[in-house]
Amino acid sequence: MTTAQKAGGGGAAIVIAGALLLAVLHQDWWWWDTDTLVFGTLPTGLAFHALYSILAASLWAFACVFAWPASFEEIESVEDGDEPTGASA
């Protein structure tokens, strides 16, 4: 049983919602006219995209842990010569 199955399988919905949120946040029109520097040297838009990249990587890591399809693991075990999970004898 995978982690997603133990948690009720809601991981895919969270990943989809997170991806949609990131798609909206990627349209960062609110930073275009700002002259503010972050840490004294980094333009605000670039700092936002650095944070955005960390959020996107975190979402992908979450997807790999909580929303990975169990069928992919079964395919791998069949290719290795093992019996698939739940196969009848």
C-alpha atoms as a PDB file:
ATOM      1  CA  MET A   1       0.000   0.000   0.000  1.00  0.00           C
ATOM      2  CA  THR A   2       1.399   3.399  -0.983  1.00  0.00           C
ATOM      3  CA  THR A   3       1.538   6.488   1.182  1.00  0.00           C
ATOM      4  CA  ALA A   4      -1.244   8.088  -0.888  1.00  0.00           C
ATOM      5  CA  GLN A   5      -3.508   5.088  -0.346  1.00  0.00           C
ATOM      6  CA  LYS A   6      -2.863   5.200   3.403  1.00  0.00           C
ATOM      7  CA  ALA A   7      -3.735   8.905   3.508  1.00  0.00           C
ATOM      8  CA  GLY A   8      -6.965   8.408   1.588  1.00  0.00           C
ATOM      9  CA  GLY A   9      -5.640   9.292  -1.869  1.00  0.00           C
ATOM     10  CA  GLY A  10      -6.191  13.057  -1.602  1.00  0.00           C
ATOM     11  CA  GLY A  11      -2.647  13.791  -2.722  1.00  0.00           C
ATOM     12  CA  ALA A  12      -3.567  14.119  -6.386  1.00  0.00           C
ATOM     13  CA  ALA A  13      -6.192  16.780  -5.629  1.00  0.00           C
ATOM     14  CA  ILE A  14      -3.675  18.763  -3.581  1.00  0.00           C
ATOM     15  CA  VAL A  15      -1.096  18.542  -6.374  1.00  0.00           C
ATOM     16  CA  ILE A  16      -3.628  19.727  -8.973  1.00  0.00           C
ATOM     17  CA  ALA A  17      -4.729  22.632  -6.762  1.00  0.00           C
ATOM     18  CA  GLY A  18      -1.092  23.533  -6.073  1.00  0.00           C
ATOM     19  CA  ALA A  19      -0.251  23.447  -9.778  1.00  0.00           C
ATOM     20  CA  LEU A  20      -3.188  25.724 -10.569  1.00  0.00           C
ATOM     21  CA  LEU A  21      -2.131  28.111  -7.807  1.00  0.00           C
ATOM     22  CA  LEU A  22       1.434  28.168  -9.148  1.00  0.00           C
ATOM     23  CA  ALA A  23       0.114  28.841 -12.664  1.00  0.00           C
ATOM     24  CA  VAL A  24      -1.748  31.898 -11.366  1.00  0.00           C
ATOM     25  CA  LEU A  25       1.224  33.085  -9.302  1.00  0.00           C
ATOM     26  CA  HIS A  26       3.516  32.752 -12.305  1.00  0.00           C
ATOM     27  CA  GLN A  27       1.732  35.725 -13.887  1.00  0.00           C
ATOM     28  CA  ASP A  28       3.589  38.119 -11.592  1.00  0.00           C
ATOM     29  CA  TRP A  29       2.447  41.368 -13.187  1.00  0.00           C
ATOM     30  CA  TRP A  30       2.389  43.059  -9.746  1.00  0.00           C
ATOM     31  CA  TRP A  31       6.230  43.158  -9.556  1.00  0.00           C
ATOM     32  CA  TRP A  32       6.879  44.709 -12.980  1.00  0.00           C
ATOM     33  CA  ASP A  33       6.936  48.374 -11.942  1.00  0.00           C
ATOM     34  CA  THR A  34       8.709  48.004  -8.599  1.00  0.00           C
ATOM     35  CA  ASP A  35      12.230  49.350  -8.108  1.00  0.00           C
ATOM     36  CA  THR A  36      12.663  47.723  -4.693  1.00  0.00           C
ATOM     37  CA  LEU A  37      15.703  45.492  -4.180  1.00  0.00           C
ATOM     38  CA  VAL A  38      15.664  42.412  -1.956  1.00  0.00           C
ATOM     39  CA  PHE A  39      18.813  42.032   0.178  1.00  0.00           C
ATOM     40  CA  GLY A  40      20.040  45.262  -1.423  1.00  0.00           C
ATOM     41  CA  THR A  41      20.946  43.706  -4.800  1.00  0.00           C
ATOM     42  CA  LEU A  42      18.214  41.341  -6.019  1.00  0.00           C
ATOM     43  CA  PRO A  43      15.300  42.818  -8.003  1.00  0.00           C
ATOM     44  CA  THR A  44      11.926  41.947  -6.483  1.00  0.00           C
ATOM     45  CA  GLY A  45      10.731  40.049  -9.563  1.00  0.00           C
ATOM     46  CA  LEU A  46      13.845  37.865  -9.589  1.00  0.00           C
ATOM     47  CA  ALA A  47      13.544  37.177  -5.847  1.00  0.00           C
ATOM     48  CA  PHE A  48       9.896  36.231  -6.388  1.00  0.00           C
ATOM     49  CA  HIS A  49      10.874  33.787  -9.134  1.00  0.00           C
ATOM     50  CA  ALA A  50      13.545  32.238  -6.925  1.00  0.00           C
ATOM     51  CA  LEU A  51      10.888  31.624  -4.265  1.00  0.00           C
ATOM     52  CA  TYR A  52       8.478  30.430  -6.956  1.00  0.00           C
ATOM     53  CA  SER A  53      11.055  27.862  -8.143  1.00  0.00           C
ATOM     54  CA  ILE A  54      11.455  26.536  -4.603  1.00  0.00           C
ATOM     55  CA  LEU A  55       7.661  26.230  -4.294  1.00  0.00           C
ATOM     56  CA  ALA A  56       7.426  24.404  -7.638  1.00  0.00           C
ATOM     57  CA  ALA A  57      10.167  21.953  -6.608  1.00  0.00           C
ATOM     58  CA  SER A  58       8.406  21.382  -3.278  1.00  0.00           C
ATOM     59  CA  LEU A  59       5.121  20.671  -5.057  1.00  0.00           C
ATOM     60  CA  TRP A  60       6.857  18.144  -7.317  1.00  0.00           C
ATOM     61  CA  ALA A  61       8.464  16.442  -4.298  1.00  0.00           C
ATOM     62  CA  PHE A  62       5.030  16.286  -2.635  1.00  0.00           C
ATOM     63  CA  ALA A  63       3.585  14.781  -5.827  1.00  0.00           C
ATOM     64  CA  CYS A  64       6.269  12.091  -5.918  1.00  0.00           C
ATOM     65  CA  VAL A  65       5.636  11.096  -2.304  1.00  0.00           C
ATOM     66  CA  PHE A  66       1.853  11.424  -1.939  1.00  0.00           C
ATOM     67  CA  ALA A  67       0.347  11.230  -5.444  1.00  0.00           C
ATOM     68  CA  TRP A  68       2.564   8.717  -7.261  1.00  0.00           C
ATOM     69  CA  PRO A  69       0.356   6.114  -9.001  1.00  0.00           C
ATOM     70  CA  ALA A  70       0.698   2.650  -7.471  1.00  0.00           C
ATOM     71  CA  SER A  71       0.266   1.144 -10.937  1.00  0.00           C
ATOM     72  CA  PHE A  72       3.710   2.453 -11.915  1.00  0.00           C
ATOM     73  CA  GLU A  73       5.274   0.373  -9.166  1.00  0.00           C
ATOM     74  CA  GLU A  74       3.316  -2.700 -10.297  1.00  0.00           C
ATOM     75  CA  ILE A  75       4.552  -2.258 -13.878  1.00  0.00           C
ATOM     76  CA  GLU A  76       8.132  -2.095 -12.623  1.00  0.00           C
ATOM     77  CA  SER A  77       7.739  -5.294 -10.596  1.00  0.00           C
ATOM     78  CA  VAL A  78       6.261  -7.147 -13.595  1.00  0.00           C
ATOM     79  CA  GLU A  79       9.179  -6.063 -15.776  1.00  0.00           C
ATOM     80  CA  ASP A  80      11.563  -7.431 -13.144  1.00  0.00           C
ATOM     81  CA  GLY A  81       9.823 -10.830 -13.281  1.00  0.00           C
ATOM     82  CA  ASP A  82       7.921 -10.535 -10.000  1.00  0.00           C
ATOM     83  CA  GLU A  83       4.213 -11.136  -9.662  1.00  0.00           C
ATOM     84  CA  PRO A  84       2.133  -7.922  -9.754  1.00  0.00           C
ATOM     85  CA  THR A  85       0.419  -6.945  -6.526  1.00  0.00           C
ATOM     86  CA  GLY A  86      -3.064  -8.383  -6.255  1.00  0.00           C
ATOM     87  CA  ALA A  87      -2.562 -10.896  -9.090  1.00  0.00           C
ATOM     88  CA  SER A  88      -4.438 -14.151  -8.720  1.00  0.00           C
ATOM     89  CA  ALA A  89      -2.437 -17.386  -8.798  1.00  0.00           C
END
